[in-house]
C-alpha atoms as a PDB file:
ATOM      1  CA  UNK A   1     -58.751 -11.454 161.485  1.00  0.00           C
ATOM      2  CA  UNK A   2     -58.483 -15.027 162.728  1.00  0.00           C
ATOM      3  CA  UNK A   3     -55.337 -17.115 163.228  1.00  0.00           C
ATOM      4  CA  UNK A   4     -55.410 -20.922 163.275  1.00  0.00           C
ATOM      5  CA  UNK A   5     -52.441 -23.226 163.649  1.00  0.00           C
ATOM      6  CA  UNK A   6     -51.543 -26.887 163.873  1.00  0.00           C
ATOM      7  CA  UNK A   7     -48.364 -28.597 165.035  1.00  0.00           C
ATOM      8  CA  UNK A   8     -47.411 -32.071 163.821  1.00  0.00           C
ATOM      9  CA  UNK A   9     -44.737 -33.535 166.124  1.00  0.00           C
ATOM     10  CA  UNK A  10     -41.715 -35.191 164.493  1.00  0.00           C
ATOM     11  CA  UNK A  11     -43.096 -34.669 161.004  1.00  0.00           C
ATOM     12  CA  UNK A  12     -40.136 -33.553 158.898  1.00  0.00           C
ATOM     13  CA  UNK A  13     -40.942 -32.010 155.516  1.00  0.00           C
ATOM     14  CA  UNK A  14     -38.821 -30.481 152.771  1.00  0.00           C
ATOM     15  CA  UNK A  15     -38.519 -26.697 153.223  1.00  0.00           C
ATOM     16  CA  UNK A  16     -38.894 -25.901 149.515  1.00  0.00           C
ATOM     17  CA  UNK A  17     -42.082 -27.944 149.313  1.00  0.00           C
ATOM     18  CA  UNK A  18     -43.455 -26.180 152.393  1.00  0.00           C
ATOM     19  CA  UNK A  19     -42.707 -22.797 150.797  1.00  0.00           C
ATOM     20  CA  UNK A  20     -44.699 -23.814 147.710  1.00  0.00           C
ATOM     21  CA  UNK A  21     -47.612 -24.998 149.815  1.00  0.00           C
ATOM     22  CA  UNK A  22     -47.541 -21.765 151.841  1.00  0.00           C
ATOM     23  CA  UNK A  23     -47.529 -19.664 148.674  1.00  0.00           C
ATOM     24  CA  UNK A  24     -50.485 -21.525 147.198  1.00  0.00           C
ATOM     25  CA  UNK A  25     -52.518 -21.043 150.405  1.00  0.00           C
ATOM     26  CA  UNK A  26     -51.763 -17.303 150.480  1.00  0.00           C
ATOM     27  CA  UNK A  27     -53.475 -17.088 147.091  1.00  0.00           C
ATOM     28  CA  UNK A  28     -56.779 -18.349 148.544  1.00  0.00           C
ATOM     29  CA  UNK A  29     -59.547 -15.822 148.859  1.00  0.00           C
ATOM     30  CA  UNK A  30     -59.819 -14.469 152.398  1.00  0.00           C
ATOM     31  CA  UNK A  31     -56.334 -15.627 153.433  1.00  0.00           C
ATOM     32  CA  UNK A  32     -53.983 -12.887 154.563  1.00  0.00           C
ATOM     33  CA  UNK A  33     -51.018 -15.109 155.442  1.00  0.00           C
ATOM     34  CA  UNK A  34     -50.225 -18.825 155.449  1.00  0.00           C
ATOM     35  CA  UNK A  35     -46.995 -20.434 156.569  1.00  0.00           C
ATOM     36  CA  UNK A  36     -45.906 -24.068 156.811  1.00  0.00           C
ATOM     37  CA  UNK A  37     -42.423 -24.469 158.313  1.00  0.00           C
ATOM     38  CA  UNK A  38     -40.292 -26.756 160.382  1.00  0.00           C
ATOM     39  CA  UNK A  39     -40.137 -25.223 163.878  1.00  0.00           C
ATOM     40  CA  UNK A  40     -36.483 -24.198 163.814  1.00  0.00           C
ATOM     41  CA  UNK A  41     -35.263 -21.168 165.745  1.00  0.00           C
ATOM     42  CA  UNK A  42     -35.116 -19.048 162.591  1.00  0.00           C
ATOM     43  CA  UNK A  43     -38.600 -20.105 161.500  1.00  0.00           C
ATOM     44  CA  UNK A  44     -40.049 -19.289 164.925  1.00  0.00           C
ATOM     45  CA  UNK A  45     -38.337 -15.891 164.800  1.00  0.00           C
ATOM     46  CA  UNK A  46     -39.981 -15.290 161.403  1.00  0.00           C
ATOM     47  CA  UNK A  47     -43.374 -16.300 162.834  1.00  0.00           C
ATOM     48  CA  UNK A  48     -42.938 -13.788 165.664  1.00  0.00           C
ATOM     49  CA  UNK A  49     -41.948 -11.128 163.137  1.00  0.00           C
ATOM     50  CA  UNK A  50     -45.046 -11.904 161.039  1.00  0.00           C
ATOM     51  CA  UNK A  51     -47.317 -11.753 164.088  1.00  0.00           C
ATOM     52  CA  UNK A  52     -48.194 -15.442 163.761  1.00  0.00           C
ATOM     53  CA  UNK A  53     -46.597 -16.849 166.923  1.00  0.00           C
ATOM     54  CA  UNK A  54     -48.720 -18.701 169.474  1.00  0.00           C
ATOM     55  CA  UNK A  55     -47.425 -19.846 172.887  1.00  0.00           C
ATOM     56  CA  UNK A  56     -47.764 -23.520 171.883  1.00  0.00           C
ATOM     57  CA  UNK A  57     -45.514 -22.970 168.861  1.00  0.00           C
ATOM     58  CA  UNK A  58     -42.699 -21.693 171.095  1.00  0.00           C
ATOM     59  CA  UNK A  59     -42.383 -25.202 172.575  1.00  0.00           C
ATOM     60  CA  UNK A  60     -42.215 -26.931 169.177  1.00  0.00           C
ATOM     61  CA  UNK A  61     -38.892 -28.470 168.181  1.00  0.00           C
ATOM     62  CA  UNK A  62     -36.939 -28.358 164.941  1.00  0.00           C
ATOM     63  CA  UNK A  63     -38.388 -31.694 163.777  1.00  0.00           C
ATOM     64  CA  UNK A  64     -41.968 -30.481 164.272  1.00  0.00           C
ATOM     65  CA  UNK A  65     -44.068 -29.152 161.396  1.00  0.00           C
ATOM     66  CA  UNK A  66     -45.930 -25.923 162.148  1.00  0.00           C
ATOM     67  CA  UNK A  67     -48.794 -24.761 159.944  1.00  0.00           C
ATOM     68  CA  UNK A  68     -50.253 -21.287 160.589  1.00  0.00           C
ATOM     69  CA  UNK A  69     -52.985 -19.449 158.712  1.00  0.00           C
ATOM     70  CA  UNK A  70     -54.282 -15.907 159.156  1.00  0.00           C
ATOM     71  CA  UNK A  71     -57.556 -15.188 157.401  1.00  0.00           C
ATOM     72  CA  UNK A  72     -60.415 -12.692 157.368  1.00  0.00           C
ATOM     73  CA  UNK A  73     -62.736 -15.035 159.287  1.00  0.00           C
ATOM     74  CA  UNK A  74     -62.626 -18.067 161.569  1.00  0.00           C
ATOM     75  CA  UNK A  75     -64.218 -20.189 158.851  1.00  0.00           C
ATOM     76  CA  UNK A  76     -61.737 -19.058 156.173  1.00  0.00           C
ATOM     77  CA  UNK A  77     -58.803 -19.738 158.515  1.00  0.00           C
ATOM     78  CA  UNK A  78     -60.170 -23.170 159.417  1.00  0.00           C
ATOM     79  CA  UNK A  79     -60.714 -24.078 155.744  1.00  0.00           C
ATOM     80  CA  UNK A  80     -57.274 -22.815 154.693  1.00  0.00           C
ATOM     81  CA  UNK A  81     -55.570 -24.769 157.490  1.00  0.00           C
ATOM     82  CA  UNK A  82     -57.459 -27.892 156.443  1.00  0.00           C
ATOM     83  CA  UNK A  83     -56.381 -27.353 152.826  1.00  0.00           C
ATOM     84  CA  UNK A  84     -52.768 -26.863 153.927  1.00  0.00           C
ATOM     85  CA  UNK A  85     -52.812 -30.106 155.875  1.00  0.00           C
ATOM     86  CA  UNK A  86     -54.290 -31.955 152.895  1.00  0.00           C
ATOM     87  CA  UNK A  87     -51.509 -30.639 150.649  1.00  0.00           C
ATOM     88  CA  UNK A  88     -48.848 -31.716 153.132  1.00  0.00           C
ATOM     89  CA  UNK A  89     -50.404 -35.172 153.545  1.00  0.00           C
ATOM     90  CA  UNK A  90     -50.906 -35.578 149.792  1.00  0.00           C
ATOM     91  CA  UNK A  91     -47.196 -35.159 149.242  1.00  0.00           C
ATOM     92  CA  UNK A  92     -46.386 -37.755 151.885  1.00  0.00           C
ATOM     93  CA  UNK A  93     -48.729 -40.396 150.479  1.00  0.00           C
ATOM     94  CA  UNK A  94     -47.752 -39.528 146.928  1.00  0.00           C
ATOM     95  CA  UNK A  95     -44.092 -39.881 147.853  1.00  0.00           C
ATOM     96  CA  UNK A  96     -44.724 -43.383 149.193  1.00  0.00           C
ATOM     97  CA  UNK A  97     -46.431 -44.461 145.985  1.00  0.00           C
ATOM     98  CA  UNK A  98     -43.782 -43.050 143.707  1.00  0.00           C
ATOM     99  CA  UNK A  99     -40.576 -43.654 145.641  1.00  0.00           C
ATOM    100  CA  UNK A 100     -37.890 -44.591 143.154  1.00  0.00           C
ATOM    101  CA  UNK A 101     -36.079 -47.904 143.303  1.00  0.00           C
ATOM    102  CA  UNK A 102     -32.598 -46.402 143.421  1.00  0.00           C
ATOM    103  CA  UNK A 103     -30.858 -49.771 143.625  1.00  0.00           C
ATOM    104  CA  UNK A 104     -31.789 -50.521 140.020  1.00  0.00           C
ATOM    105  CA  UNK A 105     -31.034 -47.076 138.617  1.00  0.00           C
ATOM    106  CA  UNK A 106     -27.964 -45.966 136.746  1.00  0.00           C
ATOM    107  CA  UNK A 107     -25.410 -44.288 139.009  1.00  0.00           C
ATOM    108  CA  UNK A 108     -24.505 -40.712 138.140  1.00  0.00           C
ATOM    109  CA  UNK A 109     -22.049 -38.547 140.057  1.00  0.00           C
ATOM    110  CA  UNK A 110     -20.676 -35.055 140.321  1.00  0.00           C
ATOM    111  CA  UNK A 111     -17.016 -34.993 141.250  1.00  0.00           C
ATOM    112  CA  UNK A 112     -15.572 -31.865 142.797  1.00  0.00           C
ATOM    113  CA  UNK A 113     -11.826 -31.545 143.097  1.00  0.00           C
ATOM    114  CA  UNK A 114      -9.481 -34.458 142.503  1.00  0.00           C
ATOM    115  CA  UNK A 115      -9.612 -35.644 138.938  1.00  0.00           C
ATOM    116  CA  UNK A 116      -8.368 -39.086 140.006  1.00  0.00           C
ATOM    117  CA  UNK A 117     -11.741 -39.695 141.704  1.00  0.00           C
ATOM    118  CA  UNK A 118     -13.494 -38.892 138.428  1.00  0.00           C
ATOM    119  CA  UNK A 119     -11.215 -41.282 136.546  1.00  0.00           C
ATOM    120  CA  UNK A 120     -11.809 -44.072 139.079  1.00  0.00           C
ATOM    121  CA  UNK A 121     -15.577 -43.691 138.730  1.00  0.00           C
ATOM    122  CA  UNK A 122     -15.401 -43.602 134.932  1.00  0.00           C
ATOM    123  CA  UNK A 123     -13.309 -46.806 134.985  1.00  0.00           C
ATOM    124  CA  UNK A 124     -16.293 -48.439 136.728  1.00  0.00           C
ATOM    125  CA  UNK A 125     -18.712 -47.236 134.058  1.00  0.00           C
ATOM    126  CA  UNK A 126     -20.240 -44.408 136.127  1.00  0.00           C
ATOM    127  CA  UNK A 127     -21.373 -41.228 134.381  1.00  0.00           C
ATOM    128  CA  UNK A 128     -19.423 -38.386 135.987  1.00  0.00           C
ATOM    129  CA  UNK A 129     -19.517 -34.622 135.684  1.00  0.00           C
ATOM    130  CA  UNK A 130     -16.224 -33.170 136.843  1.00  0.00           C
ATOM    131  CA  UNK A 131     -15.988 -29.742 138.470  1.00  0.00           C
ATOM    132  CA  UNK A 132     -12.467 -28.368 138.439  1.00  0.00           C
ATOM    133  CA  UNK A 133     -12.568 -26.873 141.935  1.00  0.00           C
ATOM    134  CA  UNK A 134      -9.624 -25.059 143.454  1.00  0.00           C
ATOM    135  CA  UNK A 135      -9.036 -23.622 146.900  1.00  0.00           C
ATOM    136  CA  UNK A 136     -10.521 -20.086 146.939  1.00  0.00           C
ATOM    137  CA  UNK A 137      -7.953 -17.351 146.457  1.00  0.00           C
ATOM    138  CA  UNK A 138      -5.270 -20.054 146.341  1.00  0.00           C
ATOM    139  CA  UNK A 139      -5.403 -20.261 150.150  1.00  0.00           C
ATOM    140  CA  UNK A 140      -4.488 -16.599 150.730  1.00  0.00           C
ATOM    141  CA  UNK A 141      -6.346 -15.927 154.016  1.00  0.00           C
ATOM    142  CA  UNK A 142      -6.326 -12.142 153.573  1.00  0.00           C
ATOM    143  CA  UNK A 143      -7.992 -12.484 150.190  1.00  0.00           C
ATOM    144  CA  UNK A 144     -10.375 -15.174 151.507  1.00  0.00           C
ATOM    145  CA  UNK A 145     -11.481 -12.865 154.321  1.00  0.00           C
ATOM    146  CA  UNK A 146     -12.172 -10.093 151.784  1.00  0.00           C
ATOM    147  CA  UNK A 147     -14.213 -12.516 149.698  1.00  0.00           C
ATOM    148  CA  UNK A 148     -16.192 -13.573 152.794  1.00  0.00           C
ATOM    149  CA  UNK A 149     -17.177  -9.948 153.394  1.00  0.00           C
ATOM    150  CA  UNK A 150     -18.532  -9.742 149.853  1.00  0.00           C
ATOM    151  CA  UNK A 151     -20.575 -12.919 150.319  1.00  0.00           C
END
């Protein structure tokens, strides 16, 4: 088995997108494991747990992108890591081409709590979805603590 990795300093990426990229790489022939994550403490702990930690990754910060691939051969690992990087970069360039012009879009809002906020937005012509939120357990701390244990 061969492990290859790459760190991109200060290269923030969306975690859900990175999970999708990782999953698609794990489906490649010859790839045992593939992970693209931001180098947070929890992510580094998961890399250690998966046997994918390298000393250089330990020094990476939370804003650094870490890409790690474990494959059956050096060549397969190298190719998978290259593919992973291409997928990450494709999303960045694609995002630049397709970034929405939000200043000319219709405003839509979700209002949670005070209905007067919803009414004020509606008076300005804003589409609003109102969520009738209330304090959990009507503020009863004993009941709130029981609910926390269930969560």
